[in-house]
Amino acid sequence: MAKILITSGPTRQYIDPIRYLSNASSGQMGCSLAAAALQLGHQVVVVSGPTNIEYPAGAQRIDVVSTQDMMIASADVFPTCDGLIGAAAPCDYRPVEVADHKIRKSGAALEIKLVETDDIVAALGISKRANQWTVGFALETEDARFRALAKLIRKCCDLVILNGVEAIDSSENSIEIIAPNGQIIAQASGSKDHVATMVLRTIQERLIESQVVSSLK
């Protein structure tokens, strides 16, 4: 049995007390991955951004809001885990300044300066121990396989799961799982529950069971 950290859902970066930057991620993929991992007998910790999803009762849930919150919570939990599945869609940018009060219309253009947020999967991938693994997600709109493989390398992932924008806030997904050598080792389309089952089966065979064999040598 492995202990698996799953990041899930969107994050929010507030520009004032009311408005924020975010995306349409529903958290459904993370929920389906958690259910599939539990079905295989694994222990699951879900670090989730704001969603209306009901995660499986057997999973430990940690709720966060911002990308920084998700980074802190994930970094705190990951050392106790065997692996990470980074299924969240955290905001890549945050405002340099957050207004203390609601920004009101003035008739002029509003300019907001943004800076990049922490890359959670990359940070955990770089910090992982020899017996830990990380799996990232790549959502691309162009040069998809090339960009997904580049992310795998940059984020020090053991596998990367490529999907498209049609997966956002949808009950279905279509994915390819790419290995570090660029090989597509698995593909799946259909409901997110079906896709998650295949993803966990691949992780089980390629990462979890191989770690067990290595530890016995």
N, C-alpha and C. Protein backbone atom coordinates (compact mmCIF):
# COMPACT_ATOMS: atom_id res chain seq x y z
N MET A 1 0.84 -1.20 0.00
CA MET A 1 0.00 0.00 0.00
C MET A 1 0.87 1.25 0.00
N ALA A 2 0.51 2.22 -0.81
CA ALA A 2 1.25 3.48 -0.87
C ALA A 2 0.40 4.60 -0.27
N LYS A 3 1.08 5.64 0.18
CA LYS A 3 0.40 6.86 0.60
C LYS A 3 0.59 7.88 -0.52
N ILE A 4 -0.52 8.34 -1.11
CA ILE A 4 -0.46 9.17 -2.30
C ILE A 4 -1.06 10.55 -2.01
N LEU A 5 -0.30 11.58 -2.35
CA LEU A 5 -0.79 12.96 -2.28
C LEU A 5 -1.36 13.34 -3.64
N ILE A 6 -2.58 13.83 -3.67
CA ILE A 6 -3.21 14.28 -4.90
C ILE A 6 -3.59 15.75 -4.73
N THR A 7 -3.06 16.61 -5.61
CA THR A 7 -3.53 18.00 -5.62
C THR A 7 -4.68 18.09 -6.62
N SER A 8 -5.66 18.90 -6.31
CA SER A 8 -6.89 18.88 -7.10
C SER A 8 -7.56 20.25 -7.12
N GLY A 9 -8.29 20.50 -8.22
CA GLY A 9 -9.10 21.71 -8.31
C GLY A 9 -8.29 22.94 -8.67
N PRO A 10 -8.97 24.09 -8.71
CA PRO A 10 -8.31 25.36 -9.03
C PRO A 10 -7.77 26.02 -7.76
N THR A 11 -7.06 27.10 -7.93
CA THR A 11 -6.76 27.99 -6.81
C THR A 11 -7.28 29.37 -7.16
N ARG A 12 -7.32 30.25 -6.18
CA ARG A 12 -7.79 31.62 -6.38
C ARG A 12 -6.71 32.60 -5.92
N GLN A 13 -6.46 33.59 -6.75
CA GLN A 13 -5.55 34.67 -6.39
C GLN A 13 -6.34 35.97 -6.37
N TYR A 14 -6.61 36.46 -5.19
CA TYR A 14 -7.48 37.63 -5.04
C TYR A 14 -6.77 38.91 -5.48
N ILE A 15 -7.53 39.79 -6.15
CA ILE A 15 -7.02 41.11 -6.50
C ILE A 15 -7.60 42.18 -5.56
N ASP A 16 -8.72 41.86 -4.94
CA ASP A 16 -9.31 42.68 -3.88
C ASP A 16 -10.15 41.74 -3.03
N PRO A 17 -10.84 42.19 -2.00
CA PRO A 17 -11.56 41.25 -1.13
C PRO A 17 -12.67 40.47 -1.81
N ILE A 18 -13.06 40.86 -3.02
CA ILE A 18 -14.19 40.24 -3.70
C ILE A 18 -13.78 39.48 -4.95
N ARG A 19 -12.88 40.05 -5.75
CA ARG A 19 -12.53 39.50 -7.06
C ARG A 19 -11.23 38.72 -7.01
N TYR A 20 -11.16 37.73 -7.88
CA TYR A 20 -9.96 36.91 -7.91
C TYR A 20 -9.71 36.35 -9.31
N LEU A 21 -8.46 35.91 -9.54
CA LEU A 21 -8.08 35.18 -10.75
C LEU A 21 -8.24 33.70 -10.45
N SER A 22 -8.79 32.95 -11.41
CA SER A 22 -8.95 31.51 -11.22
C SER A 22 -9.17 30.87 -12.59
N ASN A 23 -9.69 29.64 -12.60
CA ASN A 23 -10.03 28.96 -13.85
C ASN A 23 -11.21 28.04 -13.59
N ALA A 24 -11.63 27.33 -14.62
CA ALA A 24 -12.87 26.54 -14.53
C ALA A 24 -12.65 25.10 -14.07
N SER A 25 -11.48 24.79 -13.55
CA SER A 25 -11.25 23.43 -13.07
C SER A 25 -12.27 23.06 -12.00
N SER A 26 -12.86 21.87 -12.13
CA SER A 26 -13.92 21.45 -11.22
C SER A 26 -13.41 20.59 -10.06
N GLY A 27 -12.22 19.99 -10.23
CA GLY A 27 -11.72 19.05 -9.24
C GLY A 27 -12.19 17.62 -9.48
N GLN A 28 -12.98 17.40 -10.54
CA GLN A 28 -13.52 16.07 -10.78
C GLN A 28 -12.42 15.04 -11.07
N MET A 29 -11.38 15.44 -11.82
CA MET A 29 -10.31 14.50 -12.13
C MET A 29 -9.59 14.08 -10.86
N GLY A 30 -9.32 15.05 -10.01
CA GLY A 30 -8.68 14.71 -8.74
C GLY A 30 -9.54 13.81 -7.88
N CYS A 31 -10.85 14.06 -7.90
CA CYS A 31 -11.79 13.22 -7.15
C CYS A 31 -11.77 11.79 -7.67
N SER A 32 -11.79 11.64 -8.99
CA SER A 32 -11.78 10.31 -9.60
C SER A 32 -10.47 9.59 -9.33
N LEU A 33 -9.36 10.32 -9.35
CA LEU A 33 -8.06 9.71 -9.04
C LEU A 33 -8.01 9.24 -7.59
N ALA A 34 -8.57 10.04 -6.69
CA ALA A 34 -8.61 9.65 -5.28
C ALA A 34 -9.42 8.37 -5.10
N ALA A 35 -10.57 8.29 -5.77
CA ALA A 35 -11.41 7.09 -5.66
C ALA A 35 -10.70 5.86 -6.23
N ALA A 36 -10.01 6.04 -7.36
CA ALA A 36 -9.30 4.91 -7.97
C ALA A 36 -8.14 4.45 -7.09
N ALA A 37 -7.44 5.38 -6.46
CA ALA A 37 -6.34 5.01 -5.56
C ALA A 37 -6.85 4.27 -4.34
N LEU A 38 -7.94 4.74 -3.78
CA LEU A 38 -8.54 4.06 -2.63
C LEU A 38 -9.01 2.66 -3.01
N GLN A 39 -9.53 2.52 -4.22
CA GLN A 39 -10.00 1.22 -4.68
C GLN A 39 -8.87 0.21 -4.74
N LEU A 40 -7.66 0.68 -5.01
CA LEU A 40 -6.49 -0.20 -5.05
C LEU A 40 -5.88 -0.43 -3.66
N GLY A 41 -6.48 0.18 -2.65
CA GLY A 41 -6.02 -0.05 -1.28
C GLY A 41 -5.00 0.94 -0.77
N HIS A 42 -4.81 2.04 -1.51
CA HIS A 42 -3.82 3.03 -1.09
C HIS A 42 -4.42 4.06 -0.13
N GLN A 43 -3.55 4.72 0.60
CA GLN A 43 -3.94 5.82 1.47
C GLN A 43 -3.84 7.10 0.66
N VAL A 44 -4.83 7.98 0.80
CA VAL A 44 -4.90 9.17 -0.06
C VAL A 44 -5.06 10.43 0.76
N VAL A 45 -4.26 11.44 0.42
CA VAL A 45 -4.41 12.79 0.96
C VAL A 45 -4.68 13.71 -0.22
N VAL A 46 -5.81 14.43 -0.19
CA VAL A 46 -6.16 15.37 -1.26
C VAL A 46 -5.98 16.79 -0.75
N VAL A 47 -5.13 17.56 -1.43
CA VAL A 47 -5.02 18.98 -1.15
C VAL A 47 -5.82 19.67 -2.25
N SER A 48 -6.94 20.27 -1.87
CA SER A 48 -7.90 20.77 -2.86
C SER A 48 -8.12 22.26 -2.77
N GLY A 49 -8.13 22.91 -3.94
CA GLY A 49 -8.58 24.28 -4.01
C GLY A 49 -10.09 24.34 -3.90
N PRO A 50 -10.68 25.52 -3.98
CA PRO A 50 -12.14 25.67 -3.80
C PRO A 50 -12.93 24.95 -4.90
N THR A 51 -13.73 23.97 -4.51
CA THR A 51 -14.59 23.24 -5.44
C THR A 51 -15.88 22.87 -4.73
N ASN A 52 -16.85 22.40 -5.51
CA ASN A 52 -18.09 21.85 -4.95
C ASN A 52 -18.06 20.33 -4.93
N ILE A 53 -16.89 19.76 -5.16
CA ILE A 53 -16.74 18.31 -5.24
C ILE A 53 -16.79 17.67 -3.85
N GLU A 54 -17.43 16.53 -3.77
CA GLU A 54 -17.40 15.71 -2.56
C GLU A 54 -16.36 14.61 -2.79
N TYR A 55 -15.21 14.75 -2.18
CA TYR A 55 -14.16 13.74 -2.35
C TYR A 55 -14.53 12.47 -1.58
N PRO A 56 -13.97 11.32 -1.97
CA PRO A 56 -14.31 10.07 -1.29
C PRO A 56 -14.07 10.17 0.22
N ALA A 57 -14.95 9.56 0.96
CA ALA A 57 -14.87 9.63 2.42
C ALA A 57 -13.57 9.05 2.96
N GLY A 58 -12.99 8.11 2.24
CA GLY A 58 -11.76 7.46 2.71
C GLY A 58 -10.52 8.30 2.54
N ALA A 59 -10.62 9.43 1.85
CA ALA A 59 -9.46 10.29 1.62
C ALA A 59 -9.39 11.41 2.65
N GLN A 60 -8.18 11.72 3.09
CA GLN A 60 -7.99 12.89 3.94
C GLN A 60 -8.02 14.12 3.05
N ARG A 61 -8.80 15.11 3.41
CA ARG A 61 -8.95 16.32 2.58
C ARG A 61 -8.39 17.53 3.30
N ILE A 62 -7.55 18.27 2.60
CA ILE A 62 -7.01 19.52 3.11
C ILE A 62 -7.44 20.62 2.14
N ASP A 63 -8.24 21.56 2.61
CA ASP A 63 -8.76 22.63 1.77
C ASP A 63 -7.82 23.84 1.79
N VAL A 64 -7.57 24.39 0.61
CA VAL A 64 -6.73 25.58 0.47
C VAL A 64 -7.41 26.55 -0.49
N VAL A 65 -6.89 27.76 -0.58
CA VAL A 65 -7.46 28.77 -1.48
C VAL A 65 -6.46 29.17 -2.55
N SER A 66 -5.32 29.72 -2.16
CA SER A 66 -4.35 30.25 -3.11
C SER A 66 -3.32 29.19 -3.52
N THR A 67 -2.57 29.52 -4.55
CA THR A 67 -1.49 28.63 -4.97
C THR A 67 -0.45 28.51 -3.87
N GLN A 68 -0.15 29.61 -3.19
CA GLN A 68 0.80 29.55 -2.08
C GLN A 68 0.29 28.64 -0.97
N ASP A 69 -1.02 28.71 -0.68
CA ASP A 69 -1.61 27.81 0.32
C ASP A 69 -1.42 26.35 -0.10
N MET A 70 -1.65 26.07 -1.39
CA MET A 70 -1.51 24.70 -1.89
C MET A 70 -0.06 24.25 -1.82
N MET A 71 0.86 25.16 -2.12
CA MET A 71 2.28 24.85 -2.04
C MET A 71 2.68 24.49 -0.62
N ILE A 72 2.26 25.30 0.33
CA ILE A 72 2.62 25.08 1.74
C ILE A 72 2.04 23.76 2.25
N ALA A 73 0.74 23.52 1.97
CA ALA A 73 0.10 22.30 2.44
C ALA A 73 0.72 21.06 1.80
N SER A 74 1.00 21.13 0.50
CA SER A 74 1.58 19.98 -0.20
C SER A 74 2.99 19.70 0.28
N ALA A 75 3.79 20.75 0.47
CA ALA A 75 5.16 20.58 0.94
C ALA A 75 5.19 20.00 2.36
N ASP A 76 4.17 20.30 3.14
CA ASP A 76 4.08 19.78 4.51
C ASP A 76 3.75 18.29 4.51
N VAL A 77 2.87 17.86 3.58
CA VAL A 77 2.40 16.48 3.55
C VAL A 77 3.33 15.55 2.77
N PHE A 78 3.93 16.07 1.70
CA PHE A 78 4.67 15.21 0.76
C PHE A 78 5.77 14.37 1.40
N PRO A 79 6.53 14.88 2.37
CA PRO A 79 7.58 14.04 2.96
C PRO A 79 7.06 12.74 3.60
N THR A 80 5.79 12.69 3.95
CA THR A 80 5.21 11.49 4.55
C THR A 80 4.58 10.57 3.51
N CYS A 81 4.64 10.98 2.23
CA CYS A 81 3.97 10.24 1.16
C CYS A 81 4.97 9.49 0.29
N ASP A 82 4.45 8.50 -0.43
CA ASP A 82 5.27 7.75 -1.39
C ASP A 82 5.28 8.43 -2.75
N GLY A 83 4.21 9.15 -3.07
CA GLY A 83 4.16 9.78 -4.38
C GLY A 83 3.15 10.89 -4.45
N LEU A 84 3.23 11.64 -5.54
CA LEU A 84 2.35 12.77 -5.80
C LEU A 84 1.71 12.63 -7.17
N ILE A 85 0.42 12.91 -7.26
CA ILE A 85 -0.26 13.10 -8.54
C ILE A 85 -0.74 14.55 -8.56
N GLY A 86 -0.12 15.36 -9.41
CA GLY A 86 -0.45 16.79 -9.46
C GLY A 86 -1.57 17.06 -10.44
N ALA A 87 -2.80 16.83 -10.01
CA ALA A 87 -3.97 17.00 -10.89
C ALA A 87 -4.62 18.37 -10.75
N ALA A 88 -4.11 19.21 -9.85
CA ALA A 88 -4.70 20.53 -9.66
C ALA A 88 -4.38 21.45 -10.84
N ALA A 89 -5.15 22.52 -10.94
CA ALA A 89 -4.90 23.56 -11.94
C ALA A 89 -4.69 24.88 -11.21
N PRO A 90 -3.58 25.00 -10.49
CA PRO A 90 -3.35 26.22 -9.72
C PRO A 90 -3.07 27.42 -10.62
N CYS A 91 -3.42 28.60 -10.13
CA CYS A 91 -3.12 29.83 -10.87
C CYS A 91 -1.61 29.95 -11.05
N ASP A 92 -1.20 30.31 -12.26
CA ASP A 92 0.21 30.48 -12.55
C ASP A 92 0.70 31.88 -12.20
N TYR A 93 -0.24 32.80 -11.97
CA TYR A 93 0.13 34.19 -11.67
C TYR A 93 -0.68 34.71 -10.50
N ARG A 94 -0.10 35.66 -9.80
CA ARG A 94 -0.79 36.34 -8.71
C ARG A 94 -0.51 37.84 -8.82
N PRO A 95 -1.43 38.67 -8.34
CA PRO A 95 -1.17 40.11 -8.37
C PRO A 95 -0.06 40.49 -7.40
N VAL A 96 0.75 41.46 -7.81
CA VAL A 96 1.82 41.95 -6.92
C VAL A 96 1.21 42.58 -5.68
N GLU A 97 0.11 43.30 -5.86
CA GLU A 97 -0.56 43.93 -4.73
C GLU A 97 -2.03 43.54 -4.72
N VAL A 98 -2.55 43.31 -3.54
CA VAL A 98 -3.98 43.00 -3.36
C VAL A 98 -4.62 44.21 -2.69
N ALA A 99 -5.64 44.76 -3.32
CA ALA A 99 -6.31 45.94 -2.77
C ALA A 99 -7.00 45.61 -1.45
N ASP A 100 -6.95 46.51 -0.51
CA ASP A 100 -7.59 46.31 0.79
C ASP A 100 -9.11 46.41 0.70
N HIS A 101 -9.59 47.18 -0.28
CA HIS A 101 -11.02 47.39 -0.45
C HIS A 101 -11.42 47.08 -1.88
N LYS A 102 -12.71 46.93 -2.11
CA LYS A 102 -13.21 46.66 -3.45
C LYS A 102 -12.73 47.72 -4.43
N ILE A 103 -12.18 47.25 -5.57
CA ILE A 103 -11.75 48.17 -6.62
C ILE A 103 -13.00 48.66 -7.36
N ARG A 104 -13.21 49.96 -7.36
CA ARG A 104 -14.42 50.51 -7.96
C ARG A 104 -14.14 51.07 -9.35
N LYS A 105 -15.17 51.09 -10.17
CA LYS A 105 -15.04 51.63 -11.52
C LYS A 105 -14.67 53.11 -11.46
N SER A 106 -13.77 53.48 -12.36
CA SER A 106 -13.35 54.88 -12.41
C SER A 106 -13.48 55.46 -13.81
N GLY A 107 -13.83 54.62 -14.79
CA GLY A 107 -13.89 55.06 -16.17
C GLY A 107 -12.58 54.92 -16.90
N ALA A 108 -11.52 54.59 -16.17
CA ALA A 108 -10.19 54.40 -16.76
C ALA A 108 -9.86 52.91 -16.82
N ALA A 109 -8.87 52.60 -17.67
CA ALA A 109 -8.41 51.21 -17.76
C ALA A 109 -7.76 50.78 -16.45
N LEU A 110 -7.99 49.55 -16.07
CA LEU A 110 -7.40 49.01 -14.84
C LEU A 110 -6.20 48.16 -15.20
N GLU A 111 -5.06 48.48 -14.64
CA GLU A 111 -3.84 47.71 -14.87
C GLU A 111 -3.47 46.97 -13.61
N ILE A 112 -3.23 45.66 -13.75
CA ILE A 112 -2.85 44.81 -12.62
C ILE A 112 -1.53 44.14 -12.95
N LYS A 113 -0.53 44.34 -12.15
CA LYS A 113 0.77 43.71 -12.37
C LYS A 113 0.77 42.32 -11.74
N LEU A 114 1.15 41.32 -12.52
CA LEU A 114 1.15 39.94 -12.06
C LEU A 114 2.56 39.38 -12.03
N VAL A 115 2.80 38.47 -11.10
CA VAL A 115 4.06 37.72 -11.05
C VAL A 115 3.72 36.23 -10.97
N GLU A 116 4.67 35.39 -11.35
CA GLU A 116 4.43 33.95 -11.34
C GLU A 116 4.30 33.42 -9.92
N THR A 117 3.45 32.43 -9.76
CA THR A 117 3.33 31.73 -8.49
C THR A 117 4.31 30.56 -8.44
N ASP A 118 4.42 29.92 -7.30
CA ASP A 118 5.27 28.74 -7.15
C ASP A 118 4.78 27.61 -8.04
N ASP A 119 5.70 26.85 -8.61
CA ASP A 119 5.36 25.64 -9.37
C ASP A 119 5.38 24.47 -8.39
N ILE A 120 4.21 24.02 -7.98
CA ILE A 120 4.10 23.03 -6.91
C ILE A 120 4.72 21.70 -7.32
N VAL A 121 4.35 21.20 -8.49
CA VAL A 121 4.86 19.89 -8.91
C VAL A 121 6.38 19.94 -9.09
N ALA A 122 6.89 21.02 -9.67
CA ALA A 122 8.33 21.14 -9.85
C ALA A 122 9.06 21.18 -8.51
N ALA A 123 8.54 21.96 -7.57
CA ALA A 123 9.18 22.07 -6.26
C ALA A 123 9.24 20.72 -5.55
N LEU A 124 8.14 19.98 -5.60
CA LEU A 124 8.11 18.67 -4.94
C LEU A 124 8.93 17.66 -5.72
N GLY A 125 8.93 17.76 -7.06
CA GLY A 125 9.73 16.85 -7.87
C GLY A 125 11.21 17.00 -7.60
N ILE A 126 11.66 18.24 -7.45
CA ILE A 126 13.07 18.49 -7.17
C ILE A 126 13.46 18.00 -5.78
N SER A 127 12.52 18.09 -4.84
CA SER A 127 12.83 17.75 -3.44
C SER A 127 12.62 16.28 -3.11
N LYS A 128 12.05 15.50 -4.02
CA LYS A 128 11.67 14.13 -3.68
C LYS A 128 12.88 13.26 -3.36
N ARG A 129 12.65 12.30 -2.49
CA ARG A 129 13.68 11.33 -2.15
C ARG A 129 13.78 10.27 -3.24
N ALA A 130 14.80 9.44 -3.15
CA ALA A 130 15.03 8.41 -4.18
C ALA A 130 13.87 7.43 -4.28
N ASN A 131 13.17 7.21 -3.17
CA ASN A 131 12.07 6.24 -3.18
C ASN A 131 10.70 6.90 -3.36
N GLN A 132 10.68 8.17 -3.74
CA GLN A 132 9.42 8.86 -4.01
C GLN A 132 9.26 9.06 -5.51
N TRP A 133 8.00 9.24 -5.95
CA TRP A 133 7.71 9.49 -7.35
C TRP A 133 6.72 10.64 -7.49
N THR A 134 6.75 11.28 -8.65
CA THR A 134 5.80 12.36 -8.92
C THR A 134 5.24 12.20 -10.33
N VAL A 135 3.95 12.45 -10.45
CA VAL A 135 3.26 12.40 -11.73
C VAL A 135 2.57 13.75 -11.94
N GLY A 136 2.86 14.38 -13.06
CA GLY A 136 2.27 15.67 -13.35
C GLY A 136 1.22 15.60 -14.44
N PHE A 137 0.40 16.63 -14.53
CA PHE A 137 -0.56 16.79 -15.61
C PHE A 137 -0.11 17.95 -16.50
N ALA A 138 -0.33 17.81 -17.80
CA ALA A 138 -0.03 18.89 -18.73
C ALA A 138 -1.26 19.15 -19.58
N LEU A 139 -1.78 20.36 -19.50
CA LEU A 139 -2.91 20.76 -20.33
C LEU A 139 -2.37 21.75 -21.36
N GLU A 140 -2.36 21.33 -22.61
CA GLU A 140 -1.72 22.12 -23.66
C GLU A 140 -2.68 22.40 -24.80
N THR A 141 -2.45 23.53 -25.51
CA THR A 141 -3.27 23.90 -26.66
C THR A 141 -2.48 23.86 -27.96
N GLU A 142 -1.15 23.72 -27.89
CA GLU A 142 -0.32 23.63 -29.09
C GLU A 142 0.96 22.85 -28.76
N ASP A 143 1.52 22.18 -29.79
CA ASP A 143 2.73 21.37 -29.60
C ASP A 143 2.60 20.53 -28.33
N ALA A 144 1.46 19.86 -28.20
CA ALA A 144 1.07 19.26 -26.93
C ALA A 144 2.08 18.25 -26.39
N ARG A 145 2.47 17.27 -27.20
CA ARG A 145 3.37 16.24 -26.70
C ARG A 145 4.75 16.80 -26.37
N PHE A 146 5.24 17.69 -27.23
CA PHE A 146 6.55 18.30 -26.99
C PHE A 146 6.53 19.09 -25.68
N ARG A 147 5.49 19.89 -25.48
CA ARG A 147 5.41 20.70 -24.27
C ARG A 147 5.19 19.85 -23.03
N ALA A 148 4.44 18.77 -23.17
CA ALA A 148 4.21 17.88 -22.03
C ALA A 148 5.52 17.22 -21.60
N LEU A 149 6.30 16.75 -22.58
CA LEU A 149 7.58 16.12 -22.25
C LEU A 149 8.54 17.14 -21.63
N ALA A 150 8.53 18.37 -22.16
CA ALA A 150 9.37 19.42 -21.58
C ALA A 150 9.00 19.67 -20.12
N LYS A 151 7.69 19.64 -19.83
CA LYS A 151 7.25 19.81 -18.44
C LYS A 151 7.72 18.66 -17.57
N LEU A 152 7.62 17.45 -18.09
CA LEU A 152 8.07 16.28 -17.33
C LEU A 152 9.52 16.45 -16.91
N ILE A 153 10.36 16.87 -17.86
CA ILE A 153 11.79 17.03 -17.58
C ILE A 153 12.03 18.17 -16.60
N ARG A 154 11.40 19.32 -16.87
CA ARG A 154 11.61 20.50 -16.05
C ARG A 154 11.12 20.30 -14.61
N LYS A 155 10.03 19.54 -14.46
CA LYS A 155 9.43 19.35 -13.14
C LYS A 155 9.93 18.09 -12.44
N CYS A 156 10.87 17.38 -13.07
CA CYS A 156 11.45 16.16 -12.50
C CYS A 156 10.38 15.10 -12.21
N CYS A 157 9.43 14.95 -13.13
CA CYS A 157 8.37 13.96 -12.96
C CYS A 157 8.82 12.59 -13.47
N ASP A 158 8.18 11.57 -12.95
CA ASP A 158 8.41 10.20 -13.43
C ASP A 158 7.49 9.86 -14.59
N LEU A 159 6.32 10.50 -14.63
CA LEU A 159 5.38 10.37 -15.73
C LEU A 159 4.65 11.71 -15.87
N VAL A 160 4.15 11.99 -17.08
CA VAL A 160 3.30 13.16 -17.25
C VAL A 160 2.05 12.72 -18.01
N ILE A 161 0.91 13.28 -17.59
CA ILE A 161 -0.38 12.95 -18.20
C ILE A 161 -0.83 14.14 -19.03
N LEU A 162 -0.93 13.94 -20.33
CA LEU A 162 -1.30 14.99 -21.25
C LEU A 162 -2.81 14.97 -21.50
N ASN A 163 -3.45 16.11 -21.31
CA ASN A 163 -4.86 16.25 -21.69
C ASN A 163 -5.09 17.63 -22.28
N GLY A 164 -6.32 17.87 -22.77
CA GLY A 164 -6.62 19.12 -23.46
C GLY A 164 -7.63 19.96 -22.72
N VAL A 165 -7.92 21.14 -23.26
CA VAL A 165 -8.80 22.08 -22.59
C VAL A 165 -10.23 21.55 -22.48
N GLU A 166 -10.59 20.60 -23.33
CA GLU A 166 -11.95 20.05 -23.26
C GLU A 166 -12.20 19.29 -21.96
N ALA A 167 -11.13 18.99 -21.24
CA ALA A 167 -11.28 18.27 -19.97
C ALA A 167 -11.76 19.17 -18.84
N ILE A 168 -11.58 20.49 -19.00
CA ILE A 168 -11.91 21.41 -17.92
C ILE A 168 -13.42 21.44 -17.68
N ASP A 169 -13.79 21.24 -16.42
CA ASP A 169 -15.20 21.28 -16.00
C ASP A 169 -16.06 20.33 -16.82
N SER A 170 -15.49 19.18 -17.16
CA SER A 170 -16.21 18.17 -17.94
C SER A 170 -16.20 16.86 -17.17
N SER A 171 -17.16 16.00 -17.45
CA SER A 171 -17.22 14.69 -16.82
C SER A 171 -16.36 13.67 -17.56
N GLU A 172 -15.81 14.08 -18.72
CA GLU A 172 -15.00 13.17 -19.53
C GLU A 172 -13.61 13.74 -19.76
N ASN A 173 -12.70 12.86 -20.16
CA ASN A 173 -11.34 13.27 -20.43
C ASN A 173 -10.73 12.34 -21.46
N SER A 174 -9.69 12.81 -22.12
CA SER A 174 -8.92 12.01 -23.06
C SER A 174 -7.46 12.29 -22.80
N ILE A 175 -6.69 11.27 -22.45
CA ILE A 175 -5.33 11.49 -21.98
C ILE A 175 -4.33 10.56 -22.64
N GLU A 176 -3.08 10.99 -22.60
CA GLU A 176 -1.94 10.15 -22.94
C GLU A 176 -0.97 10.21 -21.77
N ILE A 177 -0.39 9.09 -21.42
CA ILE A 177 0.62 9.06 -20.37
C ILE A 177 1.98 8.92 -21.03
N ILE A 178 2.87 9.85 -20.74
CA ILE A 178 4.16 9.92 -21.40
C ILE A 178 5.27 9.64 -20.39
N ALA A 179 6.20 8.78 -20.80
CA ALA A 179 7.35 8.42 -19.97
C ALA A 179 8.51 9.37 -20.23
N PRO A 180 9.54 9.37 -19.38
CA PRO A 180 10.66 10.29 -19.55
C PRO A 180 11.39 10.16 -20.88
N ASN A 181 11.32 9.00 -21.52
CA ASN A 181 11.96 8.83 -22.83
C ASN A 181 11.09 9.32 -23.98
N GLY A 182 9.94 9.90 -23.67
CA GLY A 182 9.04 10.40 -24.69
C GLY A 182 8.03 9.40 -25.20
N GLN A 183 8.12 8.15 -24.73
CA GLN A 183 7.20 7.11 -25.19
C GLN A 183 5.81 7.31 -24.58
N ILE A 184 4.79 7.15 -25.41
CA ILE A 184 3.40 7.15 -24.92
C ILE A 184 3.11 5.74 -24.43
N ILE A 185 3.02 5.56 -23.13
CA ILE A 185 2.90 4.21 -22.57
C ILE A 185 1.45 3.81 -22.35
N ALA A 186 0.53 4.77 -22.39
CA ALA A 186 -0.89 4.43 -22.23
C ALA A 186 -1.74 5.58 -22.73
N GLN A 187 -2.95 5.25 -23.16
CA GLN A 187 -3.94 6.22 -23.61
C GLN A 187 -5.30 5.81 -23.07
N ALA A 188 -6.16 6.78 -22.85
CA ALA A 188 -7.51 6.46 -22.40
C ALA A 188 -8.44 7.61 -22.71
N SER A 189 -9.69 7.28 -23.01
CA SER A 189 -10.73 8.28 -23.23
C SER A 189 -12.01 7.78 -22.60
N GLY A 190 -12.83 8.72 -22.16
CA GLY A 190 -14.12 8.34 -21.58
C GLY A 190 -14.38 9.12 -20.31
N SER A 191 -15.18 8.56 -19.44
CA SER A 191 -15.49 9.23 -18.18
C SER A 191 -14.21 9.41 -17.37
N LYS A 192 -14.20 10.42 -16.53
CA LYS A 192 -13.01 10.65 -15.71
C LYS A 192 -12.78 9.51 -14.73
N ASP A 193 -13.84 8.84 -14.31
CA ASP A 193 -13.66 7.66 -13.46
C ASP A 193 -12.92 6.57 -14.21
N HIS A 194 -13.30 6.33 -15.47
CA HIS A 194 -12.62 5.32 -16.29
C HIS A 194 -11.16 5.70 -16.52
N VAL A 195 -10.92 6.96 -16.88
CA VAL A 195 -9.56 7.43 -17.13
C VAL A 195 -8.71 7.32 -15.87
N ALA A 196 -9.28 7.69 -14.73
CA ALA A 196 -8.54 7.63 -13.47
C ALA A 196 -8.14 6.21 -13.12
N THR A 197 -9.02 5.27 -13.39
CA THR A 197 -8.72 3.86 -13.12
C THR A 197 -7.51 3.40 -13.93
N MET A 198 -7.46 3.81 -15.21
CA MET A 198 -6.34 3.45 -16.05
C MET A 198 -5.05 4.14 -15.59
N VAL A 199 -5.17 5.40 -15.19
CA VAL A 199 -4.00 6.13 -14.70
C VAL A 199 -3.42 5.46 -13.47
N LEU A 200 -4.28 5.11 -12.52
CA LEU A 200 -3.79 4.47 -11.30
C LEU A 200 -3.22 3.09 -11.59
N ARG A 201 -3.81 2.37 -12.54
CA ARG A 201 -3.26 1.08 -12.92
C ARG A 201 -1.84 1.23 -13.48
N THR A 202 -1.64 2.26 -14.28
CA THR A 202 -0.32 2.51 -14.85
C THR A 202 0.68 2.91 -13.77
N ILE A 203 0.27 3.79 -12.86
CA ILE A 203 1.13 4.19 -11.76
C ILE A 203 1.47 2.99 -10.89
N GLN A 204 0.49 2.14 -10.65
CA GLN A 204 0.71 0.94 -9.85
C GLN A 204 1.80 0.07 -10.48
N GLU A 205 1.70 -0.15 -11.78
CA GLU A 205 2.64 -1.05 -12.45
C GLU A 205 4.00 -0.40 -12.66
N ARG A 206 4.03 0.87 -13.04
CA ARG A 206 5.28 1.51 -13.43
C ARG A 206 6.05 2.11 -12.26
N LEU A 207 5.35 2.53 -11.22
CA LEU A 207 6.02 3.26 -10.15
C LEU A 207 5.93 2.58 -8.79
N ILE A 208 4.73 2.22 -8.36
CA ILE A 208 4.57 1.66 -7.03
C ILE A 208 5.18 0.28 -6.91
N GLU A 209 4.80 -0.62 -7.82
CA GLU A 209 5.34 -1.98 -7.76
C GLU A 209 6.83 -2.03 -8.04
N SER A 210 7.31 -1.16 -8.91
CA SER A 210 8.75 -1.13 -9.21
C SER A 210 9.55 -0.66 -8.00
N GLN A 211 8.96 0.25 -7.20
CA GLN A 211 9.62 0.70 -5.97
C GLN A 211 9.72 -0.44 -4.97
N VAL A 212 8.67 -1.25 -4.90
CA VAL A 212 8.68 -2.39 -3.99
C VAL A 212 9.76 -3.39 -4.40
N VAL A 213 9.84 -3.66 -5.70
CA VAL A 213 10.86 -4.60 -6.19
C VAL A 213 12.26 -4.06 -5.91
N SER A 214 12.47 -2.76 -6.13
CA SER A 214 13.79 -2.17 -5.90
C SER A 214 14.18 -2.26 -4.43
N SER A 215 13.20 -2.07 -3.55
CA SER A 215 13.52 -2.11 -2.11
C SER A 215 13.87 -3.51 -1.64
N LEU A 216 13.45 -4.53 -2.39
CA LEU A 216 13.74 -5.92 -2.02
C LEU A 216 15.09 -6.40 -2.52
N LYS A 217 15.69 -5.65 -3.43
CA LYS A 217 16.98 -6.07 -4.01
C LYS A 217 18.11 -5.79 -3.06
